[in-house]
Amino acid sequence: MHRPARPTRCGFTLIEMIVVIMVMAIMATLILPRLFGNDHRQFQNVADQVSDLLMMYAQRESLGTKPVGLWEDTDRRQLTLMTLEVLEDSLETQSSWVIDRTVRPVSLPKDVSILDVHVDGESVDISEWPLQSPPGQLRPSLAIILEGPNGIITIAMASHSLVPLQIHSEQYGEWMGGPVDLDAAGRDREDW
């Protein structure tokens, strides 16, 4: 007697389909944010690097013996920490600004730019001459305003502070680093 042939298995079981769909969903949750959230993350990374550079500027100014400065290199699209080196020759003494080799310059991507730099509330251009702070004197309050694909970030540092503060324009509106009278601005009843 002849046994009937077993039907061959064609396709997948329901369990195998569910496992494949779950693996694909997990991979999608890991990959998609990296593809679509890159601009915001890159802009925030540049703002963090500028904050670190300002922190190094404040530390060098308060602990160092040489004048320090911030300079925007518009050709290379970089923000650089500089030190004033004094070169003594037998006949004369010369000084020149040199890039601080221990602090990496901040390179600005093509879609991020320095909108403005404020020193004690006034706009200054640091692309022509470095913003300098001689040791032993009170450092001015600084605000560097960055514009990127996701808005504007102001990186502000008070004259007595060693750590800058990042202010996102979409959260707090326009702020240029000066004191704000909350009562006069009608913000005295806001939650903090």
N, C-alpha and C. Protein backbone atom coordinates (compact mmCIF):
# COMPACT_ATOMS: atom_id res chain seq x y z
N MET A 1 0.82 -1.15 0.00
CA MET A 1 0.00 0.00 0.00
C MET A 1 0.89 1.25 0.00
N HIS A 2 0.40 2.23 -0.61
CA HIS A 2 1.15 3.46 -0.81
C HIS A 2 0.61 4.54 0.10
N ARG A 3 1.55 5.19 0.82
CA ARG A 3 1.12 6.28 1.71
C ARG A 3 0.98 7.58 0.94
N PRO A 4 -0.01 8.34 1.28
CA PRO A 4 -0.14 9.62 0.58
C PRO A 4 1.04 10.53 0.93
N ALA A 5 1.48 11.30 0.00
CA ALA A 5 2.61 12.21 0.21
C ALA A 5 2.21 13.35 1.15
N ARG A 6 3.16 13.70 2.01
CA ARG A 6 2.91 14.81 2.93
C ARG A 6 2.91 16.12 2.16
N PRO A 7 2.03 16.95 2.50
CA PRO A 7 2.06 18.25 1.82
C PRO A 7 3.34 19.00 2.20
N THR A 8 3.97 19.59 1.22
CA THR A 8 5.18 20.37 1.51
C THR A 8 4.81 21.72 2.10
N ARG A 9 5.69 22.17 2.92
CA ARG A 9 5.44 23.42 3.64
C ARG A 9 5.78 24.60 2.73
N CYS A 10 4.85 25.47 2.48
CA CYS A 10 5.06 26.67 1.67
C CYS A 10 4.74 27.88 2.54
N GLY A 11 5.68 28.80 2.66
CA GLY A 11 5.40 30.02 3.40
C GLY A 11 5.94 29.97 4.82
N PHE A 12 5.46 30.92 5.62
CA PHE A 12 5.91 31.09 6.98
C PHE A 12 4.77 30.88 7.94
N THR A 13 5.12 30.54 9.16
CA THR A 13 4.08 30.43 10.18
C THR A 13 3.80 31.81 10.73
N LEU A 14 2.74 31.93 11.43
CA LEU A 14 2.35 33.21 12.02
C LEU A 14 3.40 33.68 13.03
N ILE A 15 3.97 32.79 13.78
CA ILE A 15 5.00 33.13 14.77
C ILE A 15 6.24 33.70 14.07
N GLU A 16 6.66 33.07 12.98
CA GLU A 16 7.83 33.57 12.25
C GLU A 16 7.57 34.97 11.69
N MET A 17 6.39 35.22 11.21
CA MET A 17 6.04 36.55 10.69
C MET A 17 6.07 37.59 11.79
N ILE A 18 5.56 37.27 12.96
CA ILE A 18 5.55 38.21 14.08
C ILE A 18 6.98 38.53 14.52
N VAL A 19 7.83 37.52 14.57
CA VAL A 19 9.23 37.74 14.97
C VAL A 19 9.92 38.65 13.97
N VAL A 20 9.74 38.42 12.68
CA VAL A 20 10.37 39.25 11.65
C VAL A 20 9.87 40.70 11.74
N ILE A 21 8.58 40.88 11.93
CA ILE A 21 8.02 42.23 12.04
C ILE A 21 8.57 42.94 13.28
N MET A 22 8.70 42.23 14.39
CA MET A 22 9.24 42.84 15.62
C MET A 22 10.69 43.25 15.43
N VAL A 23 11.50 42.42 14.78
CA VAL A 23 12.90 42.76 14.54
C VAL A 23 13.00 43.98 13.64
N MET A 24 12.16 44.03 12.59
CA MET A 24 12.17 45.19 11.69
C MET A 24 11.73 46.46 12.41
N ALA A 25 10.75 46.36 13.31
CA ALA A 25 10.29 47.53 14.07
C ALA A 25 11.38 48.04 15.00
N ILE A 26 12.09 47.15 15.65
CA ILE A 26 13.19 47.56 16.53
C ILE A 26 14.29 48.24 15.73
N MET A 27 14.63 47.69 14.58
CA MET A 27 15.66 48.30 13.74
C MET A 27 15.21 49.67 13.24
N ALA A 28 13.94 49.83 12.91
CA ALA A 28 13.43 51.12 12.43
C ALA A 28 13.49 52.16 13.54
N THR A 29 13.19 51.77 14.77
CA THR A 29 13.25 52.75 15.87
C THR A 29 14.68 53.17 16.17
N LEU A 30 15.64 52.35 15.84
CA LEU A 30 17.04 52.73 16.04
C LEU A 30 17.60 53.55 14.89
N ILE A 31 17.16 53.28 13.67
CA ILE A 31 17.76 53.92 12.50
C ILE A 31 17.06 55.23 12.11
N LEU A 32 15.76 55.29 12.15
CA LEU A 32 15.04 56.48 11.67
C LEU A 32 15.40 57.77 12.41
N PRO A 33 15.51 57.79 13.73
CA PRO A 33 15.91 59.05 14.37
C PRO A 33 17.29 59.53 13.93
N ARG A 34 18.18 58.61 13.62
CA ARG A 34 19.51 59.01 13.15
C ARG A 34 19.45 59.64 11.75
N LEU A 35 18.51 59.20 10.95
CA LEU A 35 18.40 59.75 9.60
C LEU A 35 17.73 61.11 9.58
N PHE A 36 16.69 61.29 10.39
CA PHE A 36 15.89 62.50 10.29
C PHE A 36 16.19 63.54 11.36
N GLY A 37 16.88 63.19 12.44
CA GLY A 37 17.18 64.14 13.50
C GLY A 37 18.59 64.66 13.46
N ASN A 38 19.30 64.48 12.36
CA ASN A 38 20.71 64.82 12.28
C ASN A 38 20.96 66.32 12.31
N ASP A 39 20.13 67.14 11.64
CA ASP A 39 20.35 68.59 11.61
C ASP A 39 20.27 69.19 13.01
N HIS A 40 19.25 68.81 13.75
CA HIS A 40 19.09 69.36 15.10
C HIS A 40 20.24 68.92 16.00
N ARG A 41 20.64 67.67 15.89
CA ARG A 41 21.72 67.16 16.72
C ARG A 41 23.04 67.84 16.36
N GLN A 42 23.29 68.08 15.08
CA GLN A 42 24.52 68.73 14.65
C GLN A 42 24.55 70.19 15.13
N PHE A 43 23.42 70.88 15.05
CA PHE A 43 23.34 72.26 15.52
C PHE A 43 23.57 72.33 17.04
N GLN A 44 22.97 71.41 17.78
CA GLN A 44 23.18 71.37 19.23
C GLN A 44 24.62 71.03 19.57
N ASN A 45 25.25 70.17 18.78
CA ASN A 45 26.64 69.81 18.98
C ASN A 45 27.55 71.02 18.80
N VAL A 46 27.30 71.84 17.78
CA VAL A 46 28.08 73.05 17.56
C VAL A 46 27.88 74.03 18.72
N ALA A 47 26.64 74.17 19.19
CA ALA A 47 26.38 75.05 20.33
C ALA A 47 27.11 74.57 21.57
N ASP A 48 27.16 73.26 21.79
CA ASP A 48 27.90 72.71 22.92
C ASP A 48 29.40 72.97 22.78
N GLN A 49 29.93 72.86 21.57
CA GLN A 49 31.35 73.12 21.35
C GLN A 49 31.68 74.59 21.58
N VAL A 50 30.81 75.51 21.15
CA VAL A 50 31.04 76.93 21.40
C VAL A 50 30.96 77.21 22.90
N SER A 51 30.05 76.55 23.61
CA SER A 51 29.97 76.70 25.07
C SER A 51 31.27 76.24 25.72
N ASP A 52 31.80 75.11 25.27
CA ASP A 52 33.07 74.61 25.81
C ASP A 52 34.21 75.59 25.53
N LEU A 53 34.22 76.17 24.33
CA LEU A 53 35.25 77.13 23.97
C LEU A 53 35.16 78.38 24.86
N LEU A 54 33.95 78.86 25.11
CA LEU A 54 33.78 80.00 26.01
C LEU A 54 34.22 79.67 27.43
N MET A 55 33.96 78.44 27.86
CA MET A 55 34.39 78.03 29.19
C MET A 55 35.93 78.01 29.26
N MET A 56 36.59 77.53 28.23
CA MET A 56 38.06 77.55 28.20
C MET A 56 38.58 78.98 28.16
N TYR A 57 37.90 79.84 27.44
CA TYR A 57 38.27 81.26 27.39
C TYR A 57 38.21 81.87 28.79
N ALA A 58 37.15 81.57 29.53
CA ALA A 58 37.00 82.11 30.88
C ALA A 58 38.05 81.54 31.82
N GLN A 59 38.34 80.26 31.70
CA GLN A 59 39.34 79.65 32.57
C GLN A 59 40.74 80.18 32.27
N ARG A 60 41.08 80.31 30.99
CA ARG A 60 42.39 80.85 30.63
C ARG A 60 42.53 82.30 31.08
N GLU A 61 41.45 83.05 30.99
CA GLU A 61 41.49 84.45 31.40
C GLU A 61 41.68 84.57 32.90
N SER A 62 41.00 83.73 33.66
CA SER A 62 41.07 83.86 35.12
C SER A 62 42.31 83.20 35.72
N LEU A 63 42.86 82.16 35.08
CA LEU A 63 43.98 81.43 35.65
C LEU A 63 45.31 81.67 34.93
N GLY A 64 45.26 82.19 33.71
CA GLY A 64 46.47 82.34 32.92
C GLY A 64 47.19 83.65 33.17
N THR A 65 48.38 83.74 32.59
CA THR A 65 49.19 84.95 32.71
C THR A 65 49.24 85.74 31.41
N LYS A 66 48.80 85.14 30.32
CA LYS A 66 48.83 85.80 29.02
C LYS A 66 47.42 86.26 28.65
N PRO A 67 47.32 87.37 27.90
CA PRO A 67 46.00 87.76 27.40
C PRO A 67 45.44 86.71 26.45
N VAL A 68 44.15 86.46 26.54
CA VAL A 68 43.48 85.51 25.67
C VAL A 68 42.45 86.25 24.83
N GLY A 69 42.07 85.64 23.72
CA GLY A 69 41.11 86.26 22.84
C GLY A 69 40.29 85.23 22.08
N LEU A 70 39.13 85.65 21.61
CA LEU A 70 38.28 84.84 20.74
C LEU A 70 38.30 85.48 19.36
N TRP A 71 38.47 84.65 18.34
CA TRP A 71 38.55 85.15 16.98
C TRP A 71 37.73 84.27 16.06
N GLU A 72 36.97 84.91 15.18
CA GLU A 72 36.19 84.19 14.17
C GLU A 72 36.96 84.22 12.85
N ASP A 73 37.39 83.06 12.39
CA ASP A 73 38.08 82.93 11.11
C ASP A 73 37.00 82.69 10.06
N THR A 74 36.65 83.75 9.33
CA THR A 74 35.55 83.64 8.36
C THR A 74 35.93 82.81 7.14
N ASP A 75 37.23 82.74 6.80
CA ASP A 75 37.66 81.94 5.66
C ASP A 75 37.49 80.45 5.93
N ARG A 76 37.86 80.02 7.13
CA ARG A 76 37.75 78.60 7.49
C ARG A 76 36.46 78.27 8.22
N ARG A 77 35.65 79.29 8.51
CA ARG A 77 34.40 79.12 9.25
C ARG A 77 34.66 78.46 10.60
N GLN A 78 35.56 79.09 11.39
CA GLN A 78 35.93 78.56 12.69
C GLN A 78 35.91 79.65 13.74
N LEU A 79 35.64 79.26 14.96
CA LEU A 79 35.76 80.12 16.13
C LEU A 79 36.94 79.58 16.92
N THR A 80 37.93 80.45 17.19
CA THR A 80 39.22 80.01 17.70
C THR A 80 39.59 80.75 18.96
N LEU A 81 40.25 80.05 19.89
CA LEU A 81 40.81 80.66 21.09
C LEU A 81 42.25 81.06 20.77
N MET A 82 42.61 82.30 21.08
CA MET A 82 43.93 82.84 20.76
C MET A 82 44.63 83.26 22.05
N THR A 83 45.96 83.29 22.01
CA THR A 83 46.76 83.85 23.10
C THR A 83 47.72 84.86 22.50
N LEU A 84 48.06 85.87 23.30
CA LEU A 84 48.98 86.91 22.84
C LEU A 84 50.38 86.51 23.28
N GLU A 85 51.22 86.21 22.29
CA GLU A 85 52.60 85.80 22.55
C GLU A 85 53.51 87.01 22.38
N VAL A 86 54.40 87.20 23.34
CA VAL A 86 55.37 88.29 23.28
C VAL A 86 56.70 87.71 22.82
N LEU A 87 57.19 88.24 21.72
CA LEU A 87 58.46 87.79 21.15
C LEU A 87 59.51 88.86 21.42
N GLU A 88 60.49 88.52 22.23
CA GLU A 88 61.53 89.49 22.56
C GLU A 88 62.74 89.24 21.67
N ASP A 89 63.07 90.24 20.90
CA ASP A 89 64.24 90.20 20.04
C ASP A 89 65.32 91.03 20.73
N SER A 90 66.51 91.00 20.23
CA SER A 90 67.59 91.77 20.86
C SER A 90 67.37 93.27 20.71
N LEU A 91 66.65 93.70 19.68
CA LEU A 91 66.45 95.11 19.45
C LEU A 91 65.07 95.61 19.88
N GLU A 92 64.05 94.79 19.74
CA GLU A 92 62.70 95.26 20.06
C GLU A 92 61.83 94.10 20.55
N THR A 93 60.69 94.46 21.11
CA THR A 93 59.74 93.48 21.60
C THR A 93 58.51 93.53 20.70
N GLN A 94 58.10 92.37 20.21
CA GLN A 94 56.92 92.29 19.36
C GLN A 94 55.93 91.33 20.00
N SER A 95 54.68 91.56 19.72
CA SER A 95 53.66 90.63 20.20
C SER A 95 52.74 90.28 19.03
N SER A 96 52.23 89.06 19.07
CA SER A 96 51.31 88.64 18.01
C SER A 96 50.34 87.62 18.58
N TRP A 97 49.15 87.59 17.99
CA TRP A 97 48.14 86.62 18.38
C TRP A 97 48.42 85.31 17.69
N VAL A 98 48.42 84.22 18.47
CA VAL A 98 48.61 82.89 17.91
C VAL A 98 47.47 82.00 18.39
N ILE A 99 47.16 81.00 17.59
CA ILE A 99 46.09 80.05 17.94
C ILE A 99 46.56 79.20 19.11
N ASP A 100 45.71 79.07 20.10
CA ASP A 100 46.00 78.23 21.25
C ASP A 100 45.96 76.78 20.79
N ARG A 101 47.08 76.11 20.81
CA ARG A 101 47.18 74.75 20.27
C ARG A 101 46.56 73.69 21.17
N THR A 102 46.26 74.04 22.40
CA THR A 102 45.68 73.05 23.32
C THR A 102 44.16 73.02 23.26
N VAL A 103 43.55 73.98 22.57
CA VAL A 103 42.09 74.04 22.46
C VAL A 103 41.72 73.97 20.99
N ARG A 104 40.94 72.97 20.63
CA ARG A 104 40.54 72.78 19.23
C ARG A 104 39.56 73.86 18.81
N PRO A 105 39.78 74.49 17.64
CA PRO A 105 38.81 75.46 17.14
C PRO A 105 37.47 74.80 16.84
N VAL A 106 36.40 75.57 16.93
CA VAL A 106 35.07 75.08 16.62
C VAL A 106 34.79 75.36 15.15
N SER A 107 34.61 74.30 14.38
CA SER A 107 34.29 74.44 12.96
C SER A 107 32.77 74.53 12.80
N LEU A 108 32.33 75.53 12.05
CA LEU A 108 30.91 75.73 11.83
C LEU A 108 30.48 75.04 10.54
N PRO A 109 29.46 74.18 10.60
CA PRO A 109 28.94 73.58 9.37
C PRO A 109 28.36 74.65 8.46
N LYS A 110 28.11 74.28 7.21
CA LYS A 110 27.64 75.27 6.22
C LYS A 110 26.28 75.86 6.56
N ASP A 111 25.45 75.14 7.31
CA ASP A 111 24.12 75.66 7.64
C ASP A 111 24.05 76.31 9.01
N VAL A 112 25.19 76.49 9.68
CA VAL A 112 25.25 77.16 10.98
C VAL A 112 26.16 78.37 10.84
N SER A 113 25.71 79.52 11.35
CA SER A 113 26.52 80.73 11.26
C SER A 113 26.43 81.52 12.56
N ILE A 114 27.44 82.35 12.78
CA ILE A 114 27.43 83.26 13.93
C ILE A 114 26.64 84.48 13.51
N LEU A 115 25.49 84.65 14.11
CA LEU A 115 24.61 85.76 13.76
C LEU A 115 25.15 87.07 14.33
N ASP A 116 25.60 87.03 15.59
CA ASP A 116 26.11 88.24 16.23
C ASP A 116 26.90 87.86 17.47
N VAL A 117 27.79 88.76 17.89
CA VAL A 117 28.54 88.62 19.13
C VAL A 117 28.32 89.90 19.93
N HIS A 118 27.90 89.73 21.18
CA HIS A 118 27.65 90.87 22.05
C HIS A 118 28.65 90.86 23.20
N VAL A 119 29.27 92.00 23.43
CA VAL A 119 30.19 92.19 24.55
C VAL A 119 29.63 93.32 25.39
N ASP A 120 29.27 93.00 26.63
CA ASP A 120 28.63 93.96 27.54
C ASP A 120 27.41 94.61 26.88
N GLY A 121 26.66 93.83 26.13
CA GLY A 121 25.43 94.31 25.51
C GLY A 121 25.59 95.00 24.17
N GLU A 122 26.82 95.22 23.71
CA GLU A 122 27.06 95.89 22.44
C GLU A 122 27.57 94.89 21.40
N SER A 123 27.12 95.05 20.17
CA SER A 123 27.53 94.16 19.08
C SER A 123 28.96 94.48 18.67
N VAL A 124 29.78 93.43 18.52
CA VAL A 124 31.17 93.60 18.09
C VAL A 124 31.47 92.62 16.97
N ASP A 125 32.52 92.93 16.20
CA ASP A 125 32.96 92.07 15.11
C ASP A 125 34.28 91.43 15.55
N ILE A 126 34.30 90.12 15.74
CA ILE A 126 35.53 89.45 16.17
C ILE A 126 36.22 88.74 15.00
N SER A 127 35.81 89.08 13.78
CA SER A 127 36.49 88.49 12.63
C SER A 127 37.69 89.34 12.19
N GLU A 128 37.70 90.61 12.54
CA GLU A 128 38.82 91.47 12.19
C GLU A 128 39.93 91.40 13.23
N TRP A 129 39.55 91.43 14.50
CA TRP A 129 40.51 91.46 15.60
C TRP A 129 39.95 90.61 16.73
N PRO A 130 40.78 89.81 17.40
CA PRO A 130 40.25 88.96 18.48
C PRO A 130 39.67 89.77 19.63
N LEU A 131 38.60 89.26 20.20
CA LEU A 131 38.05 89.83 21.41
C LEU A 131 38.99 89.45 22.53
N GLN A 132 39.65 90.44 23.13
CA GLN A 132 40.67 90.11 24.12
C GLN A 132 40.23 90.45 25.52
N SER A 133 40.81 89.72 26.42
CA SER A 133 40.55 89.93 27.83
C SER A 133 41.88 89.84 28.56
N PRO A 134 42.43 90.97 28.98
CA PRO A 134 43.72 90.94 29.67
C PRO A 134 43.57 90.31 31.05
N PRO A 135 44.58 89.55 31.50
CA PRO A 135 44.50 88.94 32.82
C PRO A 135 44.47 90.00 33.91
N GLY A 136 43.74 89.71 34.95
CA GLY A 136 43.67 90.62 36.10
C GLY A 136 42.57 91.66 36.00
N GLN A 137 41.93 91.79 34.85
CA GLN A 137 40.84 92.74 34.69
C GLN A 137 39.53 91.99 34.62
N LEU A 138 38.44 92.71 34.91
CA LEU A 138 37.12 92.08 34.86
C LEU A 138 36.77 91.74 33.41
N ARG A 139 36.46 90.48 33.18
CA ARG A 139 36.08 90.02 31.85
C ARG A 139 34.70 90.56 31.50
N PRO A 140 34.49 90.99 30.26
CA PRO A 140 33.15 91.46 29.89
C PRO A 140 32.16 90.30 29.79
N SER A 141 30.88 90.61 29.90
CA SER A 141 29.87 89.59 29.66
C SER A 141 29.79 89.36 28.15
N LEU A 142 29.62 88.10 27.77
CA LEU A 142 29.64 87.72 26.36
C LEU A 142 28.35 87.02 25.98
N ALA A 143 27.96 87.19 24.73
CA ALA A 143 26.85 86.44 24.16
C ALA A 143 27.16 86.19 22.69
N ILE A 144 27.20 84.93 22.32
CA ILE A 144 27.42 84.54 20.93
C ILE A 144 26.11 83.94 20.44
N ILE A 145 25.58 84.52 19.37
CA ILE A 145 24.28 84.11 18.84
C ILE A 145 24.50 83.28 17.58
N LEU A 146 24.10 82.01 17.65
CA LEU A 146 24.24 81.10 16.52
C LEU A 146 22.90 80.91 15.83
N GLU A 147 22.93 80.90 14.50
CA GLU A 147 21.73 80.63 13.72
C GLU A 147 21.94 79.34 12.94
N GLY A 148 20.97 78.45 13.04
CA GLY A 148 21.05 77.17 12.37
C GLY A 148 19.73 76.77 11.77
N PRO A 149 19.64 75.55 11.29
CA PRO A 149 18.41 75.10 10.63
C PRO A 149 17.22 74.96 11.58
N ASN A 150 17.49 74.88 12.88
CA ASN A 150 16.41 74.70 13.85
C ASN A 150 16.14 75.93 14.68
N GLY A 151 16.64 77.08 14.30
CA GLY A 151 16.38 78.30 15.06
C GLY A 151 17.66 79.00 15.47
N ILE A 152 17.58 79.69 16.59
CA ILE A 152 18.68 80.50 17.10
C ILE A 152 19.00 80.05 18.51
N ILE A 153 20.29 79.91 18.80
CA ILE A 153 20.76 79.60 20.15
C ILE A 153 21.71 80.71 20.57
N THR A 154 21.44 81.31 21.72
CA THR A 154 22.31 82.31 22.30
C THR A 154 23.12 81.64 23.40
N ILE A 155 24.44 81.77 23.30
CA ILE A 155 25.34 81.22 24.32
C ILE A 155 25.87 82.43 25.08
N ALA A 156 25.41 82.58 26.31
CA ALA A 156 25.72 83.77 27.10
C ALA A 156 26.55 83.39 28.31
N MET A 157 27.49 84.30 28.65
CA MET A 157 28.32 84.08 29.83
C MET A 157 28.51 85.41 30.53
N ALA A 158 28.11 85.45 31.78
CA ALA A 158 28.28 86.67 32.58
C ALA A 158 29.76 86.88 32.86
N SER A 159 30.11 88.10 33.24
CA SER A 159 31.52 88.45 33.44
C SER A 159 32.15 87.69 34.60
N HIS A 160 31.38 87.27 35.56
CA HIS A 160 31.91 86.56 36.72
C HIS A 160 31.77 85.04 36.61
N SER A 161 31.13 84.57 35.55
CA SER A 161 30.82 83.15 35.41
C SER A 161 31.93 82.40 34.68
N LEU A 162 32.07 81.12 34.98
CA LEU A 162 32.99 80.27 34.25
C LEU A 162 32.27 79.30 33.32
N VAL A 163 30.94 79.22 33.44
CA VAL A 163 30.15 78.29 32.64
C VAL A 163 29.08 79.08 31.88
N PRO A 164 29.07 78.98 30.54
CA PRO A 164 28.06 79.70 29.76
C PRO A 164 26.69 79.05 29.86
N LEU A 165 25.69 79.82 29.48
CA LEU A 165 24.30 79.39 29.49
C LEU A 165 23.79 79.38 28.05
N GLN A 166 23.11 78.31 27.66
CA GLN A 166 22.53 78.23 26.32
C GLN A 166 21.06 78.57 26.39
N ILE A 167 20.64 79.49 25.53
CA ILE A 167 19.24 79.91 25.49
C ILE A 167 18.73 79.69 24.08
N HIS A 168 17.72 78.83 23.95
CA HIS A 168 17.12 78.54 22.65
C HIS A 168 16.02 79.57 22.40
N SER A 169 16.05 80.22 21.23
CA SER A 169 15.11 81.31 20.95
C SER A 169 13.67 80.84 20.91
N GLU A 170 13.43 79.60 20.49
CA GLU A 170 12.04 79.14 20.43
C GLU A 170 11.47 78.90 21.82
N GLN A 171 12.35 78.78 22.84
CA GLN A 171 11.87 78.57 24.20
C GLN A 171 11.67 79.89 24.94
N TYR A 172 12.64 80.81 24.82
CA TYR A 172 12.64 81.99 25.67
C TYR A 172 12.48 83.29 24.92
N GLY A 173 12.37 83.26 23.62
CA GLY A 173 12.28 84.50 22.87
C GLY A 173 13.66 85.12 22.71
N GLU A 174 13.70 86.33 22.25
CA GLU A 174 14.97 87.01 22.02
C GLU A 174 15.54 87.51 23.33
N TRP A 175 16.78 87.17 23.59
CA TRP A 175 17.49 87.62 24.77
C TRP A 175 18.92 87.91 24.36
N MET A 176 19.42 89.07 24.65
CA MET A 176 20.74 89.46 24.18
C MET A 176 21.77 89.53 25.30
N GLY A 177 21.50 88.96 26.45
CA GLY A 177 22.53 88.86 27.46
C GLY A 177 22.47 89.91 28.54
N GLY A 178 21.63 90.91 28.41
CA GLY A 178 21.55 91.94 29.44
C GLY A 178 20.54 91.58 30.50
N PRO A 179 20.53 92.33 31.59
CA PRO A 179 19.54 92.05 32.64
C PRO A 179 18.13 92.36 32.16
N VAL A 180 17.18 91.61 32.67
CA VAL A 180 15.78 91.76 32.29
C VAL A 180 14.99 92.08 33.54
N ASP A 181 14.24 93.18 33.51
CA ASP A 181 13.34 93.52 34.62
C ASP A 181 12.04 92.76 34.38
N LEU A 182 11.84 91.69 35.15
CA LEU A 182 10.68 90.83 34.93
C LEU A 182 9.37 91.55 35.24
N ASP A 183 9.38 92.44 36.24
CA ASP A 183 8.16 93.19 36.57
C ASP A 183 7.77 94.11 35.41
N ALA A 184 8.74 94.83 34.87
CA ALA A 184 8.45 95.76 33.78
C ALA A 184 8.06 95.02 32.50
N ALA A 185 8.60 93.84 32.31
CA ALA A 185 8.30 93.07 31.11
C ALA A 185 6.99 92.30 31.25
N GLY A 186 6.33 92.39 32.41
CA GLY A 186 5.08 91.69 32.60
C GLY A 186 5.26 90.20 32.82
N ARG A 187 6.43 89.80 33.24
CA ARG A 187 6.73 88.38 33.43
C ARG A 187 6.89 88.02 34.91
N ASP A 188 6.37 88.87 35.79
CA ASP A 188 6.56 88.66 37.23
C ASP A 188 5.74 87.49 37.79
N ARG A 189 4.75 87.03 37.05
CA ARG A 189 3.91 85.94 37.53
C ARG A 189 4.16 84.61 36.82
N GLU A 190 5.23 84.55 36.01
CA GLU A 190 5.54 83.32 35.29
C GLU A 190 6.07 82.26 36.25
N ASP A 191 5.80 81.01 35.91
CA ASP A 191 6.37 79.89 36.68
C ASP A 191 7.82 79.71 36.28
N TRP A 192 8.66 79.45 37.26
CA TRP A 192 10.08 79.24 37.00
C TRP A 192 10.46 77.85 37.35
